């Protein structure tokens, strides 16, 4: 879990336990998200991407609260909000606490650790791990359909097959610290069954392509890069189906 890396990092630095840390973290989470929401409210492009997130459509799968928004020119859309100079400034700020930070190494960590942990938690319905990797708002949005499935006593049988087309789309320096926006696609089999094994949602023979845009924020007070990043916002859209 992400928190295990954080604990290891604190042990290495011999930081004394803080009995009030839970309250501080919750307060910090709230400030992070509010700052991000304020930024989005003042940017039409970002609202177009992230405010469409997780909207429920009765024709959609329970576990894919996808939107109908999709563009092959997502990079151009982000170009209307962020500049290359701004991304460079964000990366420079990250390097102040992580001197050996490297864009490609960060993307590799996303591909091998951050994305798989979060996606696997979603398809398995593991709320503990999901909460560990998410700020409160995205956790609540992602947890809602999972709780619906569990309440109905259904079984989640979805699988993540592949992650590809990962790219660092943009960066933004917020009051609390840096935010990096990544884009990627995932091939998934999305299936929900009842207790008798009957499929009640999805198709075990169809592979869905889901396009994601994630905003990841870095806690500048956390020195271990494997524990510093958490999901701040998410947009997902279901794309083509493959036989």
Protein backbone atom coordinates (compact mmCIF):
# COMPACT_ATOMS: atom_id res chain seq x y z
CA UNK A 1 0.00 0.00 0.00
CA UNK A 2 1.04 3.61 -0.57
CA UNK A 3 0.87 4.34 3.16
CA UNK A 4 3.43 1.59 3.84
CA UNK A 5 5.97 3.50 1.74
CA UNK A 6 5.16 6.63 3.74
CA UNK A 7 5.65 4.82 7.05
CA UNK A 8 8.96 3.40 5.83
CA UNK A 9 10.09 6.87 4.81
CA UNK A 10 9.23 8.29 8.22
CA UNK A 11 11.06 5.47 9.94
CA UNK A 12 14.15 6.16 7.86
CA UNK A 13 14.09 9.80 8.92
CA UNK A 14 13.35 8.96 12.59
CA UNK A 15 10.35 11.25 12.77
CA UNK A 16 8.53 11.13 16.09
CA UNK A 17 4.91 10.02 16.06
CA UNK A 18 2.33 12.79 15.87
CA UNK A 19 -0.90 11.91 17.68
CA UNK A 20 -2.73 14.70 15.84
CA UNK A 21 -1.56 13.72 12.36
CA UNK A 22 -4.92 12.30 11.27
CA UNK A 23 -6.67 15.62 11.71
CA UNK A 24 -3.87 17.42 9.90
CA UNK A 25 -4.01 15.07 6.92
CA UNK A 26 -7.79 15.40 6.59
CA UNK A 27 -7.50 19.18 6.74
CA UNK A 28 -4.74 19.12 4.14
CA UNK A 29 -6.79 16.87 1.87
CA UNK A 30 -9.68 19.30 2.06
CA UNK A 31 -7.46 22.28 1.25
CA UNK A 32 -5.91 20.43 -1.69
CA UNK A 33 -9.24 19.58 -3.25
CA UNK A 34 -10.76 23.02 -2.67
CA UNK A 35 -7.75 24.67 -4.27
CA UNK A 36 -8.03 22.35 -7.27
CA UNK A 37 -11.80 22.98 -7.55
CA UNK A 38 -11.23 26.74 -7.51
CA UNK A 39 -8.69 26.39 -10.31
CA UNK A 40 -11.10 24.30 -12.42
CA UNK A 41 -13.96 26.73 -11.83
CA UNK A 42 -11.90 29.45 -13.48
CA UNK A 43 -10.86 27.33 -16.49
CA UNK A 44 -13.47 26.30 -19.03
CA UNK A 45 -11.18 23.68 -20.59
CA UNK A 46 -10.55 21.92 -17.29
CA UNK A 47 -14.25 21.96 -16.47
CA UNK A 48 -14.90 20.32 -19.83
CA UNK A 49 -12.58 17.46 -18.92
CA UNK A 50 -13.06 16.93 -15.21
CA UNK A 51 -16.59 18.17 -14.51
CA UNK A 52 -17.89 15.42 -16.78
CA UNK A 53 -16.33 12.82 -14.52
CA UNK A 54 -18.35 10.01 -13.03
CA UNK A 55 -21.71 11.20 -14.34
CA UNK A 56 -24.16 8.37 -14.24
CA UNK A 57 -25.90 7.27 -17.42
CA UNK A 58 -28.35 4.40 -17.07
CA UNK A 59 -27.00 2.84 -20.25
CA UNK A 60 -23.47 2.68 -18.79
CA UNK A 61 -21.99 -0.14 -16.75
CA UNK A 62 -22.26 0.14 -12.98
CA UNK A 63 -18.49 0.28 -12.66
CA UNK A 64 -17.80 2.69 -15.49
CA UNK A 65 -19.27 6.06 -14.64
CA UNK A 66 -17.90 7.24 -17.97
CA UNK A 67 -18.78 10.37 -19.86
CA UNK A 68 -19.54 10.83 -23.54
CA UNK A 69 -16.74 13.32 -23.87
CA UNK A 70 -13.80 12.17 -25.92
CA UNK A 71 -11.32 13.77 -28.26
CA UNK A 72 -8.31 12.49 -30.15
CA UNK A 73 -6.73 15.88 -29.66
CA UNK A 74 -6.68 15.93 -25.87
CA UNK A 75 -3.19 17.34 -25.92
CA UNK A 76 -4.43 20.37 -27.82
CA UNK A 77 -7.19 20.85 -25.27
CA UNK A 78 -4.68 20.91 -22.43
CA UNK A 79 -2.56 23.25 -24.49
CA UNK A 80 -5.33 25.80 -24.05
CA UNK A 81 -4.89 25.73 -20.29
CA UNK A 82 -1.26 24.94 -19.54
CA UNK A 83 1.97 26.15 -21.08
CA UNK A 84 5.19 24.20 -21.48
CA UNK A 85 6.83 26.77 -19.24
CA UNK A 86 4.29 26.10 -16.52
CA UNK A 87 4.93 22.36 -16.67
CA UNK A 88 8.64 23.05 -16.47
CA UNK A 89 8.09 25.22 -13.39
CA UNK A 90 6.09 22.42 -11.74
CA UNK A 91 8.83 19.88 -12.43
CA UNK A 92 11.39 22.31 -11.00
CA UNK A 93 9.32 22.66 -7.82
CA UNK A 94 9.13 18.88 -7.45
CA UNK A 95 12.91 18.67 -7.74
CA UNK A 96 13.27 20.85 -4.65
CA UNK A 97 12.18 17.93 -2.48
CA UNK A 98 13.10 15.17 -4.92
CA UNK A 99 16.40 16.23 -6.56
CA UNK A 100 16.62 13.16 -8.80
CA UNK A 101 13.05 13.50 -10.11
CA UNK A 102 12.79 12.51 -13.76
CA UNK A 103 9.73 12.71 -15.99
CA UNK A 104 10.24 9.30 -17.57
CA UNK A 105 10.88 7.65 -14.22
CA UNK A 106 7.71 9.26 -12.88
CA UNK A 107 5.69 7.89 -15.80
CA UNK A 108 7.21 4.46 -15.23
CA UNK A 109 6.17 4.64 -11.56
CA UNK A 110 2.66 5.58 -12.70
CA UNK A 111 2.59 2.65 -15.13
CA UNK A 112 3.96 0.06 -12.70
CA UNK A 113 2.66 1.21 -9.30
CA UNK A 114 0.16 4.07 -9.10
CA UNK A 115 -2.19 3.19 -11.97
CA UNK A 116 -2.25 -0.60 -11.36
CA UNK A 117 -2.88 -0.16 -7.63
CA UNK A 118 -5.80 2.19 -8.18
CA UNK A 119 -7.35 0.33 -11.14
CA UNK A 120 -7.03 -3.06 -9.48
CA UNK A 121 -8.65 -1.66 -6.34
CA UNK A 122 -11.53 -0.37 -8.46
CA UNK A 123 -12.18 -3.61 -10.36
CA UNK A 124 -11.78 -5.74 -7.21
CA UNK A 125 -13.81 -3.39 -5.07
CA UNK A 126 -11.01 -3.00 -2.52
CA UNK A 127 -12.06 0.18 -0.73
CA UNK A 128 -9.16 0.09 1.72
CA UNK A 129 -6.50 0.28 -0.96
CA UNK A 130 -8.55 2.74 -3.01
CA UNK A 131 -8.85 5.10 -0.06
CA UNK A 132 -5.12 4.84 0.56
CA UNK A 133 -4.33 6.15 -2.95
CA UNK A 134 -7.09 8.76 -3.30
CA UNK A 135 -8.07 12.07 -1.82
CA UNK A 136 -11.53 12.12 -0.28
CA UNK A 137 -13.54 13.46 -3.25
CA UNK A 138 -12.33 11.00 -5.92
CA UNK A 139 -12.52 8.17 -3.39
CA UNK A 140 -16.17 8.92 -2.70
CA UNK A 141 -16.97 9.05 -6.42
CA UNK A 142 -15.18 5.77 -7.17
CA UNK A 143 -16.47 4.01 -4.06
CA UNK A 144 -20.15 4.76 -4.70
CA UNK A 145 -20.73 2.19 -7.50
CA UNK A 146 -18.62 -0.38 -5.67
CA UNK A 147 -20.81 0.01 -2.61
CA UNK A 148 -23.89 -0.41 -4.81
CA UNK A 149 -22.55 -3.71 -6.11
CA UNK A 150 -21.70 -4.96 -2.63
CA UNK A 151 -25.07 -3.87 -1.27
CA UNK A 152 -26.77 -5.98 -3.96
CA UNK A 153 -24.51 -8.88 -2.92
CA UNK A 154 -23.09 -9.13 -6.41
CA UNK A 155 -19.54 -10.28 -7.20
CA UNK A 156 -17.09 -8.12 -9.13
CA UNK A 157 -15.30 -10.22 -11.75
CA UNK A 158 -13.67 -7.44 -13.78
CA UNK A 159 -10.04 -7.53 -14.90
CA UNK A 160 -7.44 -5.01 -16.05
CA UNK A 161 -5.63 -6.47 -19.07
CA UNK A 162 -3.33 -3.71 -20.20
CA UNK A 163 -2.30 -0.09 -19.69
CA UNK A 164 -0.94 1.90 -22.61
CA UNK A 165 -0.60 5.31 -24.30
CA UNK A 166 0.49 6.87 -21.00
CA UNK A 167 1.51 10.50 -21.26
CA UNK A 168 2.19 13.46 -19.01
CA UNK A 169 -0.33 15.98 -20.32
CA UNK A 170 0.14 18.99 -18.07
CA UNK A 171 1.25 20.39 -14.76
CA UNK A 172 -0.09 23.03 -12.43
CA UNK A 173 1.44 24.62 -9.38
CA UNK A 174 -1.22 24.91 -6.68
CA UNK A 175 -0.95 26.69 -3.34
CA UNK A 176 -0.36 23.40 -1.51
CA UNK A 177 2.04 21.95 -4.09
CA UNK A 178 2.40 20.50 -7.60
CA UNK A 179 -0.30 18.71 -9.61
CA UNK A 180 0.54 16.58 -12.65
CA UNK A 181 -2.15 15.52 -15.13
CA UNK A 182 -1.64 12.19 -16.88
CA UNK A 183 -3.58 10.53 -19.68
CA UNK A 184 -3.68 6.83 -20.53
CA UNK A 185 -5.83 4.03 -21.86
CA UNK A 186 -6.68 0.72 -20.24
CA UNK A 187 -8.10 -2.46 -21.71
CA UNK A 188 -10.53 -4.03 -19.25
CA UNK A 189 -13.10 -6.80 -19.01
CA UNK A 190 -15.95 -5.37 -16.96
CA UNK A 191 -18.23 -8.00 -15.43
CA UNK A 192 -20.50 -8.19 -12.41
CA UNK A 193 -22.14 -11.50 -11.43
CA UNK A 194 -24.74 -12.54 -8.92
CA UNK A 195 -24.05 -15.16 -6.26
CA UNK A 196 -25.13 -17.91 -8.65
CA UNK A 197 -22.56 -16.87 -11.23
CA UNK A 198 -25.01 -15.24 -13.64
CA UNK A 199 -23.78 -12.10 -15.41
CA UNK A 200 -25.83 -9.09 -14.33
CA UNK A 201 -23.62 -6.40 -15.81
CA UNK A 202 -21.02 -6.30 -18.56
CA UNK A 203 -19.80 -9.03 -20.91
CA UNK A 204 -16.98 -11.48 -20.09
CA UNK A 205 -16.24 -11.85 -23.81
CA UNK A 206 -15.78 -8.16 -24.62
CA UNK A 207 -12.71 -6.05 -23.92
CA UNK A 208 -13.48 -2.43 -23.16
CA UNK A 209 -11.07 0.40 -23.83
CA UNK A 210 -11.31 3.08 -21.16
CA UNK A 211 -9.58 6.43 -21.63
CA UNK A 212 -8.56 8.16 -18.40
CA UNK A 213 -7.41 11.61 -17.40
CA UNK A 214 -6.05 11.73 -13.86
CA UNK A 215 -4.82 14.62 -11.76
CA UNK A 216 -2.15 13.48 -9.30
CA UNK A 217 -0.91 15.75 -6.54
CA UNK A 218 2.35 15.50 -4.67
CA UNK A 219 2.64 16.00 -0.93
CA UNK A 220 5.78 18.13 -0.67
CA UNK A 221 6.20 17.12 2.97
CA UNK A 222 6.61 13.46 1.97
CA UNK A 223 10.16 12.64 0.88
CA UNK A 224 9.48 9.13 -0.42
CA UNK A 225 8.25 9.57 -4.03
CA UNK A 226 6.47 6.20 -3.91
CA UNK A 227 4.26 7.54 -1.12
CA UNK A 228 3.97 11.18 -2.14
CA UNK A 229 1.46 10.98 -5.00
CA UNK A 230 -2.31 10.60 -4.61
CA UNK A 231 -5.27 10.82 -6.99
CA UNK A 232 -6.91 14.25 -6.79
CA UNK A 233 -9.32 14.08 -9.73
CA UNK A 234 -10.41 11.66 -12.44
CA UNK A 235 -12.25 11.58 -15.73
CA UNK A 236 -13.05 8.32 -17.55
CA UNK A 237 -14.78 7.46 -20.79
CA UNK A 238 -15.54 4.05 -22.25
CA UNK A 239 -14.28 3.75 -25.82
CA UNK A 240 -14.26 1.01 -28.40
CA UNK A 241 -15.05 -2.60 -27.72
CA UNK A 242 -12.80 -5.37 -28.99
CA UNK A 243 -13.97 -8.92 -29.66
